[in-house]
Amino acid sequence: MKLLSSIKVAAIATTALTLAVLPNLAQDTPSTFPDISENVYKTEIEEAVTMGIVEGFPDGTFQPDNQVTREEAAVMIVKAINNVTPIDLDARPTNRTVRPFKDLADDRWSAKEINWIQWNLFPANTTQLTGNFRPEDPITRVELVGFLRRTGEFLGSRLNGNPDLPQPLEPIEFTDVVGYDKVLTLQMSAFCKVASPLNEEGDAFAPTEQAHRDYTAAALVRALNCE
């Protein structure tokens, strides 16, 4: 089922107001971004901006090649989920004990979103090896896809009672992934090309490359639209 089919316009307008925005960014309309006119992800960037998942910069640009940090990705993911189904960022889990991240202050701008992801997307029996989220570290492409797999499974469970991701496309066998990364990218490429070749060219995924704003926006939109 297409996840966005469950959205009501009124719900979008109401719930979008509850979410924090990325620091130092400005609300913008997609048509004002001069630096995405030739970008392969242009249409999906515009859709992500319209949905309020990501924003432009005060100078009117989108800066598609900028790296995305782990906390920025977390905030974008929570905004995307909240577009589909309302969530309460202050609701703590009652059926599990969660060890707070040691490097995440309560007053950090992204703390609520990161905590929500930890409580709702991370498996209950998984303990972070270091106890740190590393919010300012750039997120890699394979890390982003792993987060989006959990996002799709969460939405499937909440909306349809089924966490299995739809696989409408043929999986892509990337030439530069092995082991778990290969299993993940096979699944997520069949999931509407959430995992796709670097810059949509060739047959390499570049799993350890840092995710850029353009691909991150596109991958989120693909995950929400997949059916």
Protein backbone atom coordinates (compact mmCIF):
# COMPACT_ATOMS: atom_id res chain seq x y z
CA MET A 1 0.00 0.00 0.00
CA LYS A 2 1.27 3.47 -0.85
CA LEU A 3 2.18 4.98 2.50
CA LEU A 4 1.27 8.53 1.52
CA SER A 5 -2.26 7.49 0.60
CA SER A 6 -3.11 7.63 4.29
CA ILE A 7 -2.20 11.31 4.63
CA LYS A 8 -4.93 13.92 5.00
CA VAL A 9 -4.16 17.51 4.11
CA ALA A 10 -5.38 18.78 7.44
CA ALA A 11 -3.21 16.32 9.30
CA ILE A 12 -0.14 17.49 7.40
CA ALA A 13 -0.82 21.11 8.25
CA THR A 14 -1.38 20.32 11.92
CA THR A 15 1.42 17.88 12.59
CA ALA A 16 4.07 19.73 10.61
CA LEU A 17 3.87 22.55 13.13
CA THR A 18 5.04 20.27 15.94
CA LEU A 19 8.41 19.45 14.41
CA ALA A 20 11.72 21.20 14.94
CA VAL A 21 13.48 22.63 11.89
CA LEU A 22 17.10 22.15 11.00
CA PRO A 23 19.28 24.93 12.43
CA ASN A 24 20.26 27.88 10.20
CA LEU A 25 17.90 26.81 7.42
CA ALA A 26 15.04 28.80 5.94
CA GLN A 27 11.62 27.82 4.66
CA ASP A 28 11.70 27.93 0.88
CA THR A 29 9.71 26.93 -2.14
CA PRO A 30 11.24 24.35 -4.48
CA SER A 31 11.08 26.63 -7.52
CA THR A 32 13.53 29.10 -5.95
CA PHE A 33 16.49 26.72 -5.82
CA PRO A 34 18.86 27.68 -8.66
CA ASP A 35 21.35 24.95 -7.75
CA ILE A 36 19.14 21.92 -8.46
CA SER A 37 18.02 22.72 -12.00
CA GLU A 38 20.27 20.01 -13.45
CA ASN A 39 20.24 17.70 -10.44
CA VAL A 40 19.15 14.12 -11.10
CA TYR A 41 17.05 14.26 -7.92
CA LYS A 42 15.37 17.60 -8.71
CA THR A 43 11.78 16.32 -8.73
CA GLU A 44 12.19 14.37 -5.52
CA ILE A 45 13.94 17.27 -3.80
CA GLU A 46 11.01 19.50 -4.69
CA GLU A 47 8.56 16.94 -3.33
CA ALA A 48 10.55 16.59 -0.10
CA VAL A 49 10.54 20.36 0.36
CA THR A 50 6.81 20.58 -0.33
CA MET A 51 6.23 17.90 2.30
CA GLY A 52 8.32 19.82 4.83
CA ILE A 53 10.90 17.05 5.19
CA VAL A 54 13.83 19.28 4.24
CA GLU A 55 14.32 22.97 3.66
CA GLY A 56 16.44 25.41 1.72
CA PHE A 57 19.10 27.78 3.01
CA PRO A 58 18.71 31.51 3.73
CA ASP A 59 20.52 32.41 0.51
CA GLY A 60 17.82 30.67 -1.54
CA THR A 61 19.89 27.62 -2.44
CA PHE A 62 19.34 23.97 -1.60
CA GLN A 63 23.04 22.99 -1.57
CA PRO A 64 22.38 19.44 -2.80
CA ASP A 65 25.98 18.28 -2.42
CA ASN A 66 26.23 19.14 1.27
CA GLN A 67 26.84 16.21 3.57
CA VAL A 68 24.04 15.16 5.92
CA THR A 69 24.87 14.55 9.56
CA ARG A 70 23.36 11.73 11.55
CA GLU A 71 21.20 14.12 13.53
CA GLU A 72 19.99 15.92 10.41
CA ALA A 73 19.02 12.56 8.94
CA ALA A 74 17.18 11.66 12.14
CA VAL A 75 15.16 14.88 12.02
CA MET A 76 14.31 14.40 8.34
CA ILE A 77 13.17 10.83 9.00
CA VAL A 78 10.94 11.87 11.89
CA LYS A 79 9.41 14.64 9.76
CA ALA A 80 8.78 12.12 6.99
CA ILE A 81 7.10 9.66 9.35
CA ASN A 82 4.99 12.41 10.87
CA ASN A 83 3.71 13.27 7.40
CA VAL A 84 2.21 9.79 7.20
CA THR A 85 1.11 9.07 10.74
CA PRO A 86 1.06 11.46 13.72
CA ILE A 87 3.70 10.75 16.34
CA ASP A 88 4.31 12.09 19.83
CA LEU A 89 7.94 13.06 20.28
CA ASP A 90 7.50 13.15 24.06
CA ALA A 91 6.00 9.67 24.41
CA ARG A 92 8.52 7.37 26.11
CA PRO A 93 8.37 3.58 25.71
CA THR A 94 6.58 1.77 28.50
CA ASN A 95 7.44 -1.80 27.51
CA ARG A 96 11.21 -1.55 27.27
CA THR A 97 14.21 -0.01 28.98
CA VAL A 98 16.29 2.28 26.80
CA ARG A 99 19.77 3.46 27.73
CA PRO A 100 20.10 7.14 26.73
CA PHE A 101 22.87 8.09 24.35
CA LYS A 102 25.81 9.46 26.31
CA ASP A 103 26.59 12.15 23.74
CA LEU A 104 23.07 13.55 23.43
CA ALA A 105 22.19 16.41 25.77
CA ASP A 106 18.51 16.85 26.58
CA ASP A 107 18.55 20.41 25.25
CA ARG A 108 20.20 19.57 21.93
CA TRP A 109 18.12 20.79 18.97
CA SER A 110 17.70 17.26 17.62
CA ALA A 111 17.38 15.41 20.94
CA LYS A 112 13.66 14.66 20.77
CA GLU A 113 13.84 13.27 17.26
CA ILE A 114 16.91 11.14 17.99
CA ASN A 115 15.35 9.80 21.18
CA TRP A 116 12.15 8.96 19.32
CA ILE A 117 14.10 7.04 16.69
CA GLN A 118 15.97 5.14 19.39
CA TRP A 119 12.73 4.26 21.17
CA ASN A 120 10.76 3.31 18.08
CA LEU A 121 13.08 2.22 15.27
CA PHE A 122 16.00 0.54 17.01
CA PRO A 123 15.37 -3.09 18.04
CA ALA A 124 14.64 -3.43 21.74
CA ASN A 125 17.36 -6.04 22.26
CA THR A 126 20.08 -4.03 20.52
CA THR A 127 22.61 -2.15 22.61
CA GLN A 128 24.71 0.50 20.93
CA LEU A 129 28.34 -0.59 21.14
CA THR A 130 29.63 2.76 22.38
CA GLY A 131 26.49 4.24 23.89
CA ASN A 132 26.89 7.22 21.53
CA PHE A 133 24.76 8.42 18.64
CA ARG A 134 27.50 10.62 17.13
CA PRO A 135 24.99 13.30 16.05
CA GLU A 136 27.49 15.54 14.25
CA ASP A 137 29.12 12.74 12.24
CA PRO A 138 28.18 12.57 8.56
CA ILE A 139 25.82 9.69 7.85
CA THR A 140 27.02 7.21 5.25
CA ARG A 141 24.84 6.03 2.41
CA VAL A 142 24.51 2.54 3.84
CA GLU A 143 23.69 3.90 7.31
CA LEU A 144 20.96 6.06 5.78
CA VAL A 145 19.49 3.09 3.91
CA GLY A 146 19.53 1.06 7.13
CA PHE A 147 17.58 3.80 8.90
CA LEU A 148 15.10 3.92 6.02
CA ARG A 149 14.57 0.16 6.15
CA ARG A 150 13.52 0.53 9.77
CA THR A 151 11.38 3.53 8.81
CA GLY A 152 9.52 1.52 6.17
CA GLU A 153 9.01 -1.39 8.54
CA PHE A 154 7.69 0.92 11.26
CA LEU A 155 5.22 2.57 8.89
CA GLY A 156 4.12 -0.77 7.46
CA SER A 157 3.45 -2.12 10.95
CA ARG A 158 1.58 0.97 12.11
CA LEU A 159 -0.51 1.53 8.97
CA ASN A 160 -1.08 -1.99 7.67
CA GLY A 161 -0.08 -4.31 10.48
CA ASN A 162 2.65 -5.72 8.23
CA PRO A 163 6.33 -4.70 8.51
CA ASP A 164 7.33 -6.43 5.27
CA LEU A 165 8.52 -3.91 2.71
CA PRO A 166 6.99 -4.00 -0.77
CA GLN A 167 9.42 -5.07 -3.47
CA PRO A 168 7.97 -3.75 -6.74
CA LEU A 169 11.31 -3.51 -8.56
CA GLU A 170 14.04 -5.94 -9.47
CA PRO A 171 16.84 -5.76 -6.89
CA ILE A 172 20.14 -4.24 -7.95
CA GLU A 173 23.30 -6.24 -7.36
CA PHE A 174 25.82 -3.53 -6.62
CA THR A 175 29.44 -4.35 -7.32
CA ASP A 176 30.88 -2.78 -4.16
CA VAL A 177 28.81 -4.29 -1.34
CA VAL A 178 29.23 -7.59 0.49
CA GLY A 179 27.75 -9.42 3.45
CA TYR A 180 25.04 -7.58 5.36
CA ASP A 181 25.40 -4.48 3.17
CA LYS A 182 24.64 -6.61 0.11
CA VAL A 183 21.52 -8.10 1.70
CA LEU A 184 20.38 -4.64 2.78
CA THR A 185 20.94 -2.97 -0.58
CA LEU A 186 19.29 -5.81 -2.49
CA GLN A 187 16.19 -5.37 -0.36
CA MET A 188 16.21 -1.59 -0.42
CA SER A 189 16.88 -1.29 -4.15
CA ALA A 190 13.81 -3.46 -4.80
CA PHE A 191 11.97 -1.13 -2.38
CA CYS A 192 11.50 1.55 -5.05
CA LYS A 193 15.24 2.22 -5.42
CA VAL A 194 15.70 3.66 -1.97
CA ALA A 195 19.15 2.14 -2.43
CA SER A 196 20.34 3.28 -5.84
CA PRO A 197 23.68 3.73 -7.64
CA LEU A 198 25.82 6.69 -6.68
CA ASN A 199 24.40 9.68 -8.57
CA GLU A 200 22.06 7.22 -10.33
CA GLU A 201 24.89 6.05 -12.59
CA GLY A 202 26.77 2.79 -12.99
CA ASP A 203 26.54 -0.26 -10.72
CA ALA A 204 28.31 0.92 -7.55
CA PHE A 205 26.43 1.90 -4.40
CA ALA A 206 29.35 3.53 -2.57
CA PRO A 207 28.18 2.36 0.87
CA THR A 208 30.77 4.27 2.90
CA GLU A 209 30.42 7.53 0.97
CA GLN A 210 28.76 10.28 2.95
CA ALA A 211 25.12 10.82 2.05
CA HIS A 212 24.38 14.19 0.44
CA ARG A 213 21.26 16.29 0.82
CA ASP A 214 19.98 15.50 -2.66
CA TYR A 215 20.13 11.70 -2.31
CA THR A 216 18.82 11.82 1.26
CA ALA A 217 15.76 13.80 0.18
CA ALA A 218 15.15 11.48 -2.77
CA ALA A 219 15.54 8.31 -0.73
CA LEU A 220 13.03 9.56 1.84
CA VAL A 221 10.47 10.43 -0.83
CA ARG A 222 10.94 7.05 -2.51
CA ALA A 223 10.44 5.25 0.79
CA LEU A 224 7.20 7.12 1.48
CA ASN A 225 5.83 6.67 -2.03
CA CYS A 226 6.68 3.01 -2.47
CA GLU A 227 3.84 0.56 -3.02
